[in-house]
Amino acid sequence: MELLIEAIKMDWWILLPIFACSILVVGVMISKWSFYSKNQRDIAAIMRDLNRDLSKNDMTAAQNTALRCGGVIGEVIEEAVRIFSEQKESFSRSFDISAALATRKLERHLTILGTIGGVAPFLGLLGTVTRILFTFKEMAGSSQMGQAADVMSGIGSALIATAMGLGVAIAAVILFNSFQSIVKHYEDDFQLIKLLFLSYADGETPTTQSRYTQQATSTVSRVNL
C-alpha cells in the first residue's frame, strides 16, 4: 500500500493517462456489450421465415420479416429485399456494400480497445524507466544506507506504473478479441442471408432452395452450440 501511495505521488503524470485508458476500456466494454446484446437474433428462425417469403416471391412479407427482426440484422435484410427487388442482376455487389456498412457499425469504437492494448504497456514502461533514471541519480548522491533503502523502495514503486499499464492492456486486448469474434459471427450471418437471396436470384429450383435452407439453418445451429 505504501508503494502505491508513493507511486501516485511521484508518478501521477503517467498514472493519470493509464487511469484514463482504463476508464475508456470500461466505457467501450459497456457500450459494445449492450449494443451486441440488443442486436442478437435467432438467425436460424429468420432464415426459415425469409425462405418461406422468398419461395412465394412475396417481397412485402420479406420486408415485414425484416421489420420484425429489427436491429442490425433486420437492417441488412431490409436492404437485401430492396436490392433484390430493384437490382437483382447486381445483387451480390450491392449487398456486399450494405453488409460492409453494417459491419463498420458493429466495429465502431473497437479501435479504441486495440490502440489502448498496444499503447498502455509502453506508457507504464515510460513511467518506470523515467523513475528509475531519477532513482539512479539519487543513489549516486546517497552516502547512507538508510537513504539507499529509501531509493530501493522508490524503484519498487516505479514498477507499479508498468504493472498498471500491463493490466489495462491485457483487459483491452481480451475485450478487443472477444468483440471481434462477435463481429465475425454477424458477418457470417450476413453471408448466409446473401446466399439465400442469391439462391432465388439465380433461379434455383424449390427443392434445391429448401435443401440449402435446411443446410444453412443446421450450420447456424451447430455454430450457436
Protein backbone atom coordinates (compact mmCIF):
# COMPACT_ATOMS: atom_id res chain seq x y z
CA MET A 1 0.00 0.00 0.00
CA GLU A 2 2.85 2.36 0.82
CA LEU A 3 4.43 1.66 -2.57
CA LEU A 4 1.13 2.51 -4.28
CA ILE A 5 0.79 5.79 -2.40
CA GLU A 6 4.37 6.71 -3.23
CA ALA A 7 3.79 5.80 -6.88
CA ILE A 8 0.72 8.04 -7.02
CA LYS A 9 2.68 10.93 -5.52
CA MET A 10 5.73 10.54 -7.74
CA ASP A 11 4.30 9.08 -10.97
CA TRP A 12 0.88 10.75 -11.19
CA TRP A 13 1.80 12.25 -14.56
CA ILE A 14 1.98 8.79 -16.17
CA LEU A 15 -0.59 7.01 -13.97
CA LEU A 16 -3.23 9.58 -14.93
CA PRO A 17 -3.30 8.68 -18.67
CA ILE A 18 -3.19 4.97 -17.76
CA PHE A 19 -6.20 5.50 -15.49
CA ALA A 20 -7.93 7.42 -18.30
CA CYS A 21 -7.27 4.45 -20.60
CA SER A 22 -8.88 2.12 -18.07
CA ILE A 23 -11.99 4.33 -17.97
CA LEU A 24 -12.16 4.22 -21.78
CA VAL A 25 -11.85 0.43 -21.74
CA VAL A 26 -14.73 0.10 -19.28
CA GLY A 27 -16.85 2.58 -21.24
CA VAL A 28 -16.31 0.80 -24.56
CA MET A 29 -16.94 -2.58 -22.92
CA ILE A 30 -20.32 -1.48 -21.51
CA SER A 31 -21.33 0.29 -24.74
CA LYS A 32 -20.45 -2.56 -27.12
CA TRP A 33 -21.75 -5.34 -24.89
CA SER A 34 -25.09 -3.54 -24.61
CA PHE A 35 -25.17 -2.92 -28.38
CA TYR A 36 -24.41 -6.53 -29.30
CA SER A 37 -26.92 -7.87 -26.77
CA LYS A 38 -29.70 -5.68 -28.17
CA ASN A 39 -28.92 -6.81 -31.72
CA GLN A 40 -28.68 -10.53 -31.02
CA ARG A 41 -31.15 -12.51 -33.15
CA ASP A 42 -32.04 -16.15 -33.89
CA ILE A 43 -30.63 -16.31 -37.42
CA ALA A 44 -31.93 -19.86 -37.99
CA ALA A 45 -35.55 -18.79 -37.42
CA ILE A 46 -35.06 -15.69 -39.55
CA MET A 47 -33.66 -17.79 -42.41
CA ARG A 48 -36.70 -20.06 -42.30
CA ASP A 49 -39.08 -17.10 -42.45
CA LEU A 50 -37.13 -15.49 -45.28
CA ASN A 51 -37.05 -18.73 -47.25
CA ARG A 52 -40.83 -19.02 -46.92
CA ASP A 53 -41.34 -15.43 -48.09
CA LEU A 54 -38.91 -15.69 -50.99
CA SER A 55 -40.31 -19.04 -52.11
CA LYS A 56 -43.65 -17.25 -52.60
CA ASN A 57 -41.89 -14.27 -54.20
CA ASP A 58 -43.62 -12.13 -51.58
CA MET A 59 -41.36 -9.12 -51.10
CA THR A 60 -43.87 -7.44 -48.80
CA ALA A 61 -43.76 -10.39 -46.43
CA ALA A 62 -39.95 -10.42 -46.61
CA GLN A 63 -39.94 -6.72 -45.77
CA ASN A 64 -42.21 -7.39 -42.79
CA THR A 65 -39.87 -10.16 -41.66
CA ALA A 66 -37.00 -7.65 -41.71
CA LEU A 67 -39.05 -5.16 -39.69
CA ARG A 68 -39.98 -7.81 -37.13
CA CYS A 69 -36.35 -8.82 -36.84
CA GLY A 70 -35.08 -5.28 -36.23
CA GLY A 71 -31.56 -4.40 -35.19
CA VAL A 72 -28.55 -4.62 -37.49
CA ILE A 73 -29.67 -7.98 -38.94
CA GLY A 74 -33.07 -6.51 -39.73
CA GLU A 75 -31.49 -3.51 -41.43
CA VAL A 76 -29.35 -5.76 -43.61
CA ILE A 77 -32.34 -7.94 -44.55
CA GLU A 78 -34.43 -4.87 -45.33
CA GLU A 79 -31.70 -3.57 -47.62
CA ALA A 80 -31.34 -7.02 -49.20
CA VAL A 81 -35.06 -7.07 -50.02
CA ARG A 82 -34.83 -3.64 -51.63
CA ILE A 83 -31.79 -4.61 -53.70
CA PHE A 84 -33.38 -7.93 -54.67
CA SER A 85 -36.48 -6.12 -55.91
CA GLU A 86 -34.67 -3.36 -57.78
CA GLN A 87 -31.22 -4.69 -58.76
CA LYS A 88 -31.44 -8.47 -58.89
CA GLU A 89 -28.68 -8.70 -61.53
CA SER A 90 -26.15 -6.84 -59.39
CA PHE A 91 -27.44 -8.11 -56.06
CA SER A 92 -24.12 -9.54 -54.86
CA ARG A 93 -22.08 -6.34 -55.24
CA SER A 94 -24.80 -4.08 -53.85
CA PHE A 95 -25.43 -6.38 -50.89
CA ASP A 96 -21.71 -6.54 -50.09
CA ILE A 97 -21.68 -2.74 -49.80
CA SER A 98 -24.62 -2.79 -47.38
CA ALA A 99 -23.07 -5.60 -45.34
CA ALA A 100 -19.76 -3.73 -45.16
CA LEU A 101 -21.53 -0.62 -43.85
CA ALA A 102 -23.32 -2.73 -41.22
CA THR A 103 -20.00 -4.32 -40.23
CA ARG A 104 -18.48 -0.88 -39.83
CA LYS A 105 -21.29 -0.02 -37.41
CA LEU A 106 -20.58 -3.21 -35.45
CA GLU A 107 -16.85 -2.40 -35.27
CA ARG A 108 -17.32 1.20 -34.17
CA HIS A 109 -15.07 2.16 -31.21
CA LEU A 110 -13.22 -1.18 -31.27
CA THR A 111 -10.12 0.64 -32.49
CA ILE A 112 -10.03 2.34 -29.09
CA LEU A 113 -9.51 -1.04 -27.43
CA GLY A 114 -6.88 -2.03 -29.98
CA THR A 115 -5.00 1.23 -29.53
CA ILE A 116 -5.06 1.05 -25.74
CA GLY A 117 -3.97 -2.59 -25.88
CA GLY A 118 -0.87 -1.51 -27.81
CA VAL A 119 -0.09 1.77 -26.05
CA ALA A 120 -0.82 1.12 -22.35
CA PRO A 121 2.21 -1.16 -21.72
CA PHE A 122 4.54 1.44 -23.21
CA LEU A 123 3.01 4.17 -21.04
CA GLY A 124 3.75 2.02 -17.99
CA LEU A 125 7.29 1.34 -19.15
CA LEU A 126 7.85 5.04 -19.80
CA GLY A 127 6.87 5.87 -16.22
CA THR A 128 9.01 3.09 -14.79
CA VAL A 129 12.11 3.91 -16.83
CA THR A 130 11.82 7.61 -16.03
CA ARG A 131 11.52 6.94 -12.30
CA ILE A 132 14.46 4.52 -12.34
CA LEU A 133 16.66 7.08 -14.07
CA PHE A 134 15.90 9.64 -11.37
CA THR A 135 16.36 6.96 -8.71
CA PHE A 136 19.83 6.09 -10.00
CA LYS A 137 20.71 9.76 -9.82
CA GLU A 138 19.60 9.84 -6.18
CA MET A 139 21.57 6.67 -5.46
CA ALA A 140 24.72 8.28 -6.89
CA GLY A 141 24.40 11.12 -4.40
CA SER A 142 23.42 8.91 -1.46
CA SER A 143 26.07 8.05 1.12
CA GLN A 144 23.98 6.47 3.88
CA MET A 145 22.43 3.00 3.87
CA GLY A 146 19.09 4.34 5.09
CA GLN A 147 18.84 6.67 2.15
CA ALA A 148 19.81 3.82 -0.15
CA ALA A 149 16.94 1.75 1.27
CA ASP A 150 14.54 4.58 0.51
CA VAL A 151 15.87 4.71 -3.02
CA MET A 152 15.31 0.97 -3.47
CA SER A 153 11.77 1.44 -2.24
CA GLY A 154 11.39 4.08 -4.92
CA ILE A 155 12.45 1.56 -7.56
CA GLY A 156 9.78 -0.83 -6.30
CA SER A 157 7.08 1.82 -6.52
CA ALA A 158 8.26 2.72 -10.00
CA LEU A 159 7.30 -0.76 -11.21
CA ILE A 160 3.66 -0.08 -10.32
CA ALA A 161 3.29 2.01 -13.48
CA THR A 162 4.35 -0.94 -15.61
CA ALA A 163 2.00 -3.29 -13.75
CA MET A 164 -0.95 -0.94 -14.22
CA GLY A 165 -0.15 -0.42 -17.88
CA LEU A 166 0.05 -4.17 -18.47
CA GLY A 167 -3.20 -4.77 -16.60
CA VAL A 168 -5.11 -2.24 -18.68
CA ALA A 169 -3.54 -3.58 -21.89
CA ILE A 170 -4.45 -7.19 -21.09
CA ALA A 171 -8.07 -6.24 -20.42
CA ALA A 172 -8.25 -4.18 -23.64
CA VAL A 173 -6.79 -6.98 -25.78
CA ILE A 174 -9.14 -9.61 -24.32
CA LEU A 175 -12.17 -7.41 -24.96
CA PHE A 176 -10.96 -6.47 -28.44
CA ASN A 177 -10.55 -10.12 -29.46
CA SER A 178 -13.89 -11.09 -27.90
CA PHE A 179 -15.78 -8.32 -29.70
CA GLN A 180 -14.02 -9.09 -32.98
CA SER A 181 -15.25 -12.66 -32.64
CA ILE A 182 -18.80 -11.39 -32.19
CA VAL A 183 -18.46 -9.19 -35.28
CA LYS A 184 -17.24 -12.24 -37.23
CA HIS A 185 -20.42 -14.10 -36.26
CA TYR A 186 -22.50 -11.21 -37.59
CA GLU A 187 -20.51 -11.25 -40.83
CA ASP A 188 -21.24 -14.97 -41.17
CA ASP A 189 -24.95 -14.22 -40.70
CA PHE A 190 -24.75 -11.59 -43.45
CA GLN A 191 -23.22 -14.16 -45.79
CA LEU A 192 -26.00 -16.66 -45.04
CA ILE A 193 -28.59 -14.02 -45.86
CA LYS A 194 -26.75 -13.17 -49.07
CA LEU A 195 -26.56 -16.81 -50.16
CA LEU A 196 -30.26 -17.30 -49.51
CA PHE A 197 -31.21 -14.34 -51.70
CA LEU A 198 -28.72 -15.40 -54.38
CA SER A 199 -30.24 -18.88 -54.50
CA TYR A 200 -33.52 -17.29 -55.60
CA ALA A 201 -31.86 -14.69 -57.80
CA ASP A 202 -30.09 -17.50 -59.70
CA GLY A 203 -33.39 -19.25 -60.31
CA GLU A 204 -32.70 -22.44 -58.39
CA THR A 205 -35.49 -24.96 -58.04
CA PRO A 206 -37.66 -25.01 -54.90
CA THR A 207 -36.16 -28.40 -53.93
CA THR A 208 -32.64 -27.01 -54.15
CA GLN A 209 -33.66 -23.92 -52.22
CA SER A 210 -35.31 -25.99 -49.50
CA ARG A 211 -32.22 -28.21 -49.21
CA TYR A 212 -29.99 -25.11 -48.99
CA THR A 213 -32.13 -23.60 -46.26
CA GLN A 214 -32.01 -26.82 -44.23
CA GLN A 215 -28.23 -26.95 -44.59
CA ALA A 216 -27.84 -23.27 -43.67
CA THR A 217 -30.06 -23.48 -40.61
CA SER A 218 -28.36 -26.66 -39.40
CA THR A 219 -24.97 -24.95 -39.86
CA VAL A 220 -26.14 -21.96 -37.85
CA SER A 221 -27.45 -24.26 -35.13
CA ARG A 222 -24.07 -26.01 -34.86
CA VAL A 223 -22.27 -22.65 -34.69
CA ASN A 224 -24.60 -21.40 -31.96
CA LEU A 225 -23.97 -24.57 -29.95
